[in-house]
Amino acid sequence: MTILIIAGQDNDCTAGPIGHAYGTMFGSSILDDKFTKPLKNRLDTYVRTMEVQEITYLSEKTTKAIVKYYK
């Protein structure tokens, strides 16, 4: 992932989709705490009524939607 980010100098368009694929394939258990712990399972947004969300809740909601529509 680091090589992708450094080579392309573009986090969201290059490493983002690859990170999503790795997360789907291997789950969050392969992530080192140094990457996840600082987030404190929190995502702050500017989306009204969703200003603060738990990352695990959003992941579960996304997974359920995928399973529901692609069974």
PDB file of N, CA and C in Angstrom:
ATOM      1  N   MET A   1       0.823  -1.182   0.000  1.00  0.00           N
ATOM      2  CA  MET A   1       0.000   0.000   0.000  1.00  0.00           C
ATOM      3  C   MET A   1       0.874   1.255   0.000  1.00  0.00           C
ATOM      4  N   THR A   2       1.906   1.237   0.789  1.00  0.00           N
ATOM      5  CA  THR A   2       2.791   2.403   0.844  1.00  0.00           C
ATOM      6  C   THR A   2       3.405   2.671  -0.518  1.00  0.00           C
ATOM      7  N   ILE A   3       3.820   1.620  -1.194  1.00  0.00           N
ATOM      8  CA  ILE A   3       4.414   1.771  -2.520  1.00  0.00           C
ATOM      9  C   ILE A   3       3.399   2.376  -3.490  1.00  0.00           C
ATOM     10  N   LEU A   4       2.146   1.925  -3.430  1.00  0.00           N
ATOM     11  CA  LEU A   4       1.111   2.485  -4.298  1.00  0.00           C
ATOM     12  C   LEU A   4       0.913   3.973  -4.049  1.00  0.00           C
ATOM     13  N   ILE A   5       0.871   4.352  -2.787  1.00  0.00           N
ATOM     14  CA  ILE A   5       0.642   5.751  -2.439  1.00  0.00           C
ATOM     15  C   ILE A   5       1.816   6.619  -2.876  1.00  0.00           C
ATOM     16  N   ILE A   6       3.029   6.152  -2.599  1.00  0.00           N
ATOM     17  CA  ILE A   6       4.212   6.935  -2.956  1.00  0.00           C
ATOM     18  C   ILE A   6       4.352   7.030  -4.474  1.00  0.00           C
ATOM     19  N   ALA A   7       4.144   5.922  -5.168  1.00  0.00           N
ATOM     20  CA  ALA A   7       4.336   5.910  -6.617  1.00  0.00           C
ATOM     21  C   ALA A   7       3.312   6.791  -7.327  1.00  0.00           C
ATOM     22  N   GLY A   8       2.053   6.707  -6.893  1.00  0.00           N
ATOM     23  CA  GLY A   8       1.012   7.467  -7.563  1.00  0.00           C
ATOM     24  C   GLY A   8       0.744   8.815  -6.945  1.00  0.00           C
ATOM     25  N   GLN A   9       1.233   9.039  -5.742  1.00  0.00           N
ATOM     26  CA  GLN A   9       0.992  10.271  -5.001  1.00  0.00           C
ATOM     27  C   GLN A   9      -0.487  10.625  -4.982  1.00  0.00           C
ATOM     28  N   ASP A  10      -1.322   9.613  -4.854  1.00  0.00           N
ATOM     29  CA  ASP A  10      -2.764   9.819  -4.913  1.00  0.00           C
ATOM     30  C   ASP A  10      -3.455   8.775  -4.040  1.00  0.00           C
ATOM     31  N   ASN A  11      -3.783   9.136  -2.818  1.00  0.00           N
ATOM     32  CA  ASN A  11      -4.327   8.164  -1.862  1.00  0.00           C
ATOM     33  C   ASN A  11      -5.717   7.662  -2.218  1.00  0.00           C
ATOM     34  N   ASP A  12      -6.618   8.552  -2.595  1.00  0.00           N
ATOM     35  CA  ASP A  12      -7.996   8.129  -2.761  1.00  0.00           C
ATOM     36  C   ASP A  12      -8.245   7.345  -4.050  1.00  0.00           C
ATOM     37  N   CYS A  13      -7.565   7.686  -5.121  1.00  0.00           N
ATOM     38  CA  CYS A  13      -7.823   7.010  -6.396  1.00  0.00           C
ATOM     39  C   CYS A  13      -6.947   5.787  -6.640  1.00  0.00           C
ATOM     40  N   THR A  14      -5.820   5.715  -5.995  1.00  0.00           N
ATOM     41  CA  THR A  14      -4.906   4.600  -6.236  1.00  0.00           C
ATOM     42  C   THR A  14      -4.990   3.586  -5.106  1.00  0.00           C
ATOM     43  N   ALA A  15      -4.635   3.987  -3.920  1.00  0.00           N
ATOM     44  CA  ALA A  15      -4.577   3.049  -2.801  1.00  0.00           C
ATOM     45  C   ALA A  15      -5.947   2.752  -2.207  1.00  0.00           C
ATOM     46  N   GLY A  16      -6.867   3.685  -2.300  1.00  0.00           N
ATOM     47  CA  GLY A  16      -8.201   3.489  -1.719  1.00  0.00           C
ATOM     48  C   GLY A  16      -8.908   2.235  -2.200  1.00  0.00           C
ATOM     49  N   PRO A  17      -9.093   2.080  -3.518  1.00  0.00           N
ATOM     50  CA  PRO A  17      -9.775   0.883  -4.012  1.00  0.00           C
ATOM     51  C   PRO A  17      -9.029  -0.418  -3.688  1.00  0.00           C
ATOM     52  N   ILE A  18      -7.703  -0.366  -3.719  1.00  0.00           N
ATOM     53  CA  ILE A  18      -6.929  -1.566  -3.385  1.00  0.00           C
ATOM     54  C   ILE A  18      -7.115  -1.900  -1.905  1.00  0.00           C
ATOM     55  N   GLY A  19      -7.109  -0.871  -1.066  1.00  0.00           N
ATOM     56  CA  GLY A  19      -7.340  -1.071   0.368  1.00  0.00           C
ATOM     57  C   GLY A  19      -8.713  -1.667   0.639  1.00  0.00           C
ATOM     58  N   HIS A  20      -9.703  -1.224  -0.098  1.00  0.00           N
ATOM     59  CA  HIS A  20     -11.052  -1.779   0.057  1.00  0.00           C
ATOM     60  C   HIS A  20     -11.071  -3.256  -0.320  1.00  0.00           C
ATOM     61  N   ALA A  21     -10.399  -3.581  -1.415  1.00  0.00           N
ATOM     62  CA  ALA A  21     -10.360  -4.978  -1.851  1.00  0.00           C
ATOM     63  C   ALA A  21      -9.649  -5.847  -0.818  1.00  0.00           C
ATOM     64  N   TYR A  22      -8.513  -5.367  -0.312  1.00  0.00           N
ATOM     65  CA  TYR A  22      -7.793  -6.125   0.721  1.00  0.00           C
ATOM     66  C   TYR A  22      -8.654  -6.295   1.976  1.00  0.00           C
ATOM     67  N   GLY A  23      -9.340  -5.246   2.354  1.00  0.00           N
ATOM     68  CA  GLY A  23     -10.209  -5.329   3.531  1.00  0.00           C
ATOM     69  C   GLY A  23     -11.310  -6.354   3.355  1.00  0.00           C
ATOM     70  N   THR A  24     -11.876  -6.403   2.168  1.00  0.00           N
ATOM     71  CA  THR A  24     -12.919  -7.377   1.881  1.00  0.00           C
ATOM     72  C   THR A  24     -12.369  -8.796   1.869  1.00  0.00           C
ATOM     73  N   MET A  25     -11.196  -8.962   1.270  1.00  0.00           N
ATOM     74  CA  MET A  25     -10.610 -10.301   1.157  1.00  0.00           C
ATOM     75  C   MET A  25     -10.086 -10.840   2.484  1.00  0.00           C
ATOM     76  N   PHE A  26      -9.446  -9.981   3.280  1.00  0.00           N
ATOM     77  CA  PHE A  26      -8.730 -10.470   4.459  1.00  0.00           C
ATOM     78  C   PHE A  26      -9.326 -10.036   5.798  1.00  0.00           C
ATOM     79  N   GLY A  27     -10.213  -9.070   5.795  1.00  0.00           N
ATOM     80  CA  GLY A  27     -10.818  -8.593   7.042  1.00  0.00           C
ATOM     81  C   GLY A  27      -9.891  -7.661   7.807  1.00  0.00           C
ATOM     82  N   SER A  28     -10.434  -7.040   8.825  1.00  0.00           N
ATOM     83  CA  SER A  28      -9.668  -6.044   9.581  1.00  0.00           C
ATOM     84  C   SER A  28      -8.624  -6.652  10.515  1.00  0.00           C
ATOM     85  N   SER A  29      -8.689  -7.950  10.712  1.00  0.00           N
ATOM     86  CA  SER A  29      -7.748  -8.585  11.644  1.00  0.00           C
ATOM     87  C   SER A  29      -6.298  -8.516  11.151  1.00  0.00           C
ATOM     88  N   ILE A  30      -6.096  -8.288   9.858  1.00  0.00           N
ATOM     89  CA  ILE A  30      -4.719  -8.208   9.350  1.00  0.00           C
ATOM     90  C   ILE A  30      -4.107  -6.823   9.535  1.00  0.00           C
ATOM     91  N   LEU A  31      -4.909  -5.859   9.950  1.00  0.00           N
ATOM     92  CA  LEU A  31      -4.408  -4.505  10.127  1.00  0.00           C
ATOM     93  C   LEU A  31      -3.692  -4.357  11.458  1.00  0.00           C
ATOM     94  N   ASP A  32      -2.560  -3.726  11.426  1.00  0.00           N
ATOM     95  CA  ASP A  32      -1.790  -3.445  12.631  1.00  0.00           C
ATOM     96  C   ASP A  32      -2.515  -2.377  13.446  1.00  0.00           C
ATOM     97  N   ASP A  33      -2.470  -2.494  14.765  1.00  0.00           N
ATOM     98  CA  ASP A  33      -3.116  -1.521  15.646  1.00  0.00           C
ATOM     99  C   ASP A  33      -2.641  -0.093  15.411  1.00  0.00           C
ATOM    100  N   LYS A  34      -1.430   0.072  14.918  1.00  0.00           N
ATOM    101  CA  LYS A  34      -0.926   1.427  14.693  1.00  0.00           C
ATOM    102  C   LYS A  34      -1.745   2.172  13.635  1.00  0.00           C
ATOM    103  N   PHE A  35      -2.483   1.425  12.797  1.00  0.00           N
ATOM    104  CA  PHE A  35      -3.330   2.056  11.794  1.00  0.00           C
ATOM    105  C   PHE A  35      -4.752   2.275  12.295  1.00  0.00           C
ATOM    106  N   THR A  36      -5.251   1.392  13.128  1.00  0.00           N
ATOM    107  CA  THR A  36      -6.652   1.458  13.538  1.00  0.00           C
ATOM    108  C   THR A  36      -6.888   2.152  14.878  1.00  0.00           C
ATOM    109  N   LYS A  37      -5.979   1.974  15.800  1.00  0.00           N
ATOM    110  CA  LYS A  37      -6.176   2.515  17.144  1.00  0.00           C
ATOM    111  C   LYS A  37      -6.358   4.038  17.173  1.00  0.00           C
ATOM    112  N   PRO A  38      -5.568   4.809  16.429  1.00  0.00           N
ATOM    113  CA  PRO A  38      -5.751   6.266  16.460  1.00  0.00           C
ATOM    114  C   PRO A  38      -7.135   6.729  15.984  1.00  0.00           C
ATOM    115  N   LEU A  39      -7.803   5.923  15.189  1.00  0.00           N
ATOM    116  CA  LEU A  39      -9.132   6.294  14.683  1.00  0.00           C
ATOM    117  C   LEU A  39     -10.209   6.202  15.758  1.00  0.00           C
ATOM    118  N   LYS A  40      -9.960   5.389  16.771  1.00  0.00           N
ATOM    119  CA  LYS A  40     -10.906   5.201  17.878  1.00  0.00           C
ATOM    120  C   LYS A  40     -12.299   4.816  17.386  1.00  0.00           C
ATOM    121  N   ASN A  41     -12.345   4.058  16.281  1.00  0.00           N
ATOM    122  CA  ASN A  41     -13.601   3.565  15.709  1.00  0.00           C
ATOM    123  C   ASN A  41     -14.563   4.714  15.414  1.00  0.00           C
ATOM    124  N   ARG A  42     -14.040   5.868  15.026  1.00  0.00           N
ATOM    125  CA  ARG A  42     -14.863   7.065  14.850  1.00  0.00           C
ATOM    126  C   ARG A  42     -14.603   7.689  13.479  1.00  0.00           C
ATOM    127  N   LEU A  43     -15.696   8.070  12.822  1.00  0.00           N
ATOM    128  CA  LEU A  43     -15.608   8.791  11.561  1.00  0.00           C
ATOM    129  C   LEU A  43     -16.435  10.062  11.688  1.00  0.00           C
ATOM    130  N   ASP A  44     -15.808  11.200  11.521  1.00  0.00           N
ATOM    131  CA  ASP A  44     -16.494  12.489  11.559  1.00  0.00           C
ATOM    132  C   ASP A  44     -16.782  12.931  10.134  1.00  0.00           C
ATOM    133  N   THR A  45     -18.033  13.302   9.872  1.00  0.00           N
ATOM    134  CA  THR A  45     -18.421  13.748   8.544  1.00  0.00           C
ATOM    135  C   THR A  45     -19.159  15.078   8.626  1.00  0.00           C
ATOM    136  N   TYR A  46     -19.392  15.657   7.474  1.00  0.00           N
ATOM    137  CA  TYR A  46     -20.215  16.860   7.385  1.00  0.00           C
ATOM    138  C   TYR A  46     -21.611  16.527   6.869  1.00  0.00           C
ATOM    139  N   VAL A  47     -21.933  15.246   6.785  1.00  0.00           N
ATOM    140  CA  VAL A  47     -23.249  14.820   6.330  1.00  0.00           C
ATOM    141  C   VAL A  47     -24.236  15.061   7.471  1.00  0.00           C
ATOM    142  N   ARG A  48     -25.238  15.848   7.221  1.00  0.00           N
ATOM    143  CA  ARG A  48     -26.216  16.167   8.272  1.00  0.00           C
ATOM    144  C   ARG A  48     -26.880  14.917   8.790  1.00  0.00           C
ATOM    145  N   THR A  49     -27.066  14.852  10.060  1.00  0.00           N
ATOM    146  CA  THR A  49     -27.634  13.742  10.840  1.00  0.00           C
ATOM    147  C   THR A  49     -26.683  12.552  10.931  1.00  0.00           C
ATOM    148  N   MET A  50     -25.520  12.638  10.319  1.00  0.00           N
ATOM    149  CA  MET A  50     -24.546  11.549  10.386  1.00  0.00           C
ATOM    150  C   MET A  50     -23.170  12.090  10.768  1.00  0.00           C
ATOM    151  N   GLU A  51     -23.120  13.174  11.521  1.00  0.00           N
ATOM    152  CA  GLU A  51     -21.861  13.862  11.786  1.00  0.00           C
ATOM    153  C   GLU A  51     -20.791  12.974  12.418  1.00  0.00           C
ATOM    154  N   VAL A  52     -21.212  12.079  13.297  1.00  0.00           N
ATOM    155  CA  VAL A  52     -20.263  11.162  13.938  1.00  0.00           C
ATOM    156  C   VAL A  52     -20.805   9.739  13.786  1.00  0.00           C
ATOM    157  N   GLN A  53     -19.986   8.873  13.239  1.00  0.00           N
ATOM    158  CA  GLN A  53     -20.384   7.481  13.027  1.00  0.00           C
ATOM    159  C   GLN A  53     -19.281   6.559  13.517  1.00  0.00           C
ATOM    160  N   GLU A  54     -19.667   5.345  13.906  1.00  0.00           N
ATOM    161  CA  GLU A  54     -18.678   4.319  14.238  1.00  0.00           C
ATOM    162  C   GLU A  54     -18.282   3.606  12.946  1.00  0.00           C
ATOM    163  N   ILE A  55     -17.007   3.432  12.762  1.00  0.00           N
ATOM    164  CA  ILE A  55     -16.500   2.781  11.553  1.00  0.00           C
ATOM    165  C   ILE A  55     -17.026   1.355  11.448  1.00  0.00           C
ATOM    166  N   THR A  56     -17.072   0.644  12.554  1.00  0.00           N
ATOM    167  CA  THR A  56     -17.569  -0.740  12.509  1.00  0.00           C
ATOM    168  C   THR A  56     -19.037  -0.789  12.106  1.00  0.00           C
ATOM    169  N   TYR A  57     -19.841   0.178  12.577  1.00  0.00           N
ATOM    170  CA  TYR A  57     -21.259   0.229  12.196  1.00  0.00           C
ATOM    171  C   TYR A  57     -21.396   0.443  10.686  1.00  0.00           C
ATOM    172  N   LEU A  58     -20.633   1.377  10.140  1.00  0.00           N
ATOM    173  CA  LEU A  58     -20.701   1.640   8.705  1.00  0.00           C
ATOM    174  C   LEU A  58     -20.245   0.437   7.894  1.00  0.00           C
ATOM    175  N   SER A  59     -19.233  -0.269   8.367  1.00  0.00           N
ATOM    176  CA  SER A  59     -18.754  -1.473   7.674  1.00  0.00           C
ATOM    177  C   SER A  59     -19.814  -2.562   7.671  1.00  0.00           C
ATOM    178  N   GLU A  60     -20.454  -2.767   8.814  1.00  0.00           N
ATOM    179  CA  GLU A  60     -21.505  -3.782   8.898  1.00  0.00           C
ATOM    180  C   GLU A  60     -22.694  -3.416   8.018  1.00  0.00           C
ATOM    181  N   LYS A  61     -23.071  -2.145   8.013  1.00  0.00           N
ATOM    182  CA  LYS A  61     -24.188  -1.677   7.185  1.00  0.00           C
ATOM    183  C   LYS A  61     -23.878  -1.878   5.698  1.00  0.00           C
ATOM    184  N   THR A  62     -22.672  -1.569   5.295  1.00  0.00           N
ATOM    185  CA  THR A  62     -22.263  -1.748   3.907  1.00  0.00           C
ATOM    186  C   THR A  62     -22.270  -3.218   3.513  1.00  0.00           C
ATOM    187  N   THR A  63     -21.734  -4.065   4.388  1.00  0.00           N
ATOM    188  CA  THR A  63     -21.700  -5.505   4.118  1.00  0.00           C
ATOM    189  C   THR A  63     -23.110  -6.062   3.966  1.00  0.00           C
ATOM    190  N   LYS A  64     -24.019  -5.673   4.851  1.00  0.00           N
ATOM    191  CA  LYS A  64     -25.409  -6.146   4.773  1.00  0.00           C
ATOM    192  C   LYS A  64     -26.062  -5.713   3.467  1.00  0.00           C
ATOM    193  N   ALA A  65     -25.804  -4.495   3.029  1.00  0.00           N
ATOM    194  CA  ALA A  65     -26.379  -4.011   1.771  1.00  0.00           C
ATOM    195  C   ALA A  65     -25.842  -4.805   0.590  1.00  0.00           C
ATOM    196  N   ILE A  66     -24.568  -5.094   0.597  1.00  0.00           N
ATOM    197  CA  ILE A  66     -23.968  -5.871  -0.486  1.00  0.00           C
ATOM    198  C   ILE A  66     -24.558  -7.269  -0.532  1.00  0.00           C
ATOM    199  N   VAL A  67     -24.639  -7.912   0.609  1.00  0.00           N
ATOM    200  CA  VAL A  67     -25.184  -9.272   0.664  1.00  0.00           C
ATOM    201  C   VAL A  67     -26.649  -9.281   0.224  1.00  0.00           C
ATOM    202  N   LYS A  68     -27.403  -8.285   0.637  1.00  0.00           N
ATOM    203  CA  LYS A  68     -28.826  -8.218   0.292  1.00  0.00           C
ATOM    204  C   LYS A  68     -29.044  -8.094  -1.206  1.00  0.00           C
ATOM    205  N   TYR A  69     -28.272  -7.262  -1.878  1.00  0.00           N
ATOM    206  CA  TYR A  69     -28.508  -6.980  -3.282  1.00  0.00           C
ATOM    207  C   TYR A  69     -27.719  -7.864  -4.242  1.00  0.00           C
ATOM    208  N   TYR A  70     -26.749  -8.601  -3.761  1.00  0.00           N
ATOM    209  CA  TYR A  70     -25.934  -9.431  -4.655  1.00  0.00           C
ATOM    210  C   TYR A  70     -25.960 -10.901  -4.297  1.00  0.00           C
ATOM    211  N   LYS A  71     -27.060 -11.341  -3.715  1.00  0.00           N
ATOM    212  CA  LYS A  71     -27.197 -12.760  -3.391  1.00  0.00           C
ATOM    213  C   LYS A  71     -27.564 -13.545  -4.609  1.00  0.00           C
TER     214      LYS A  71
END
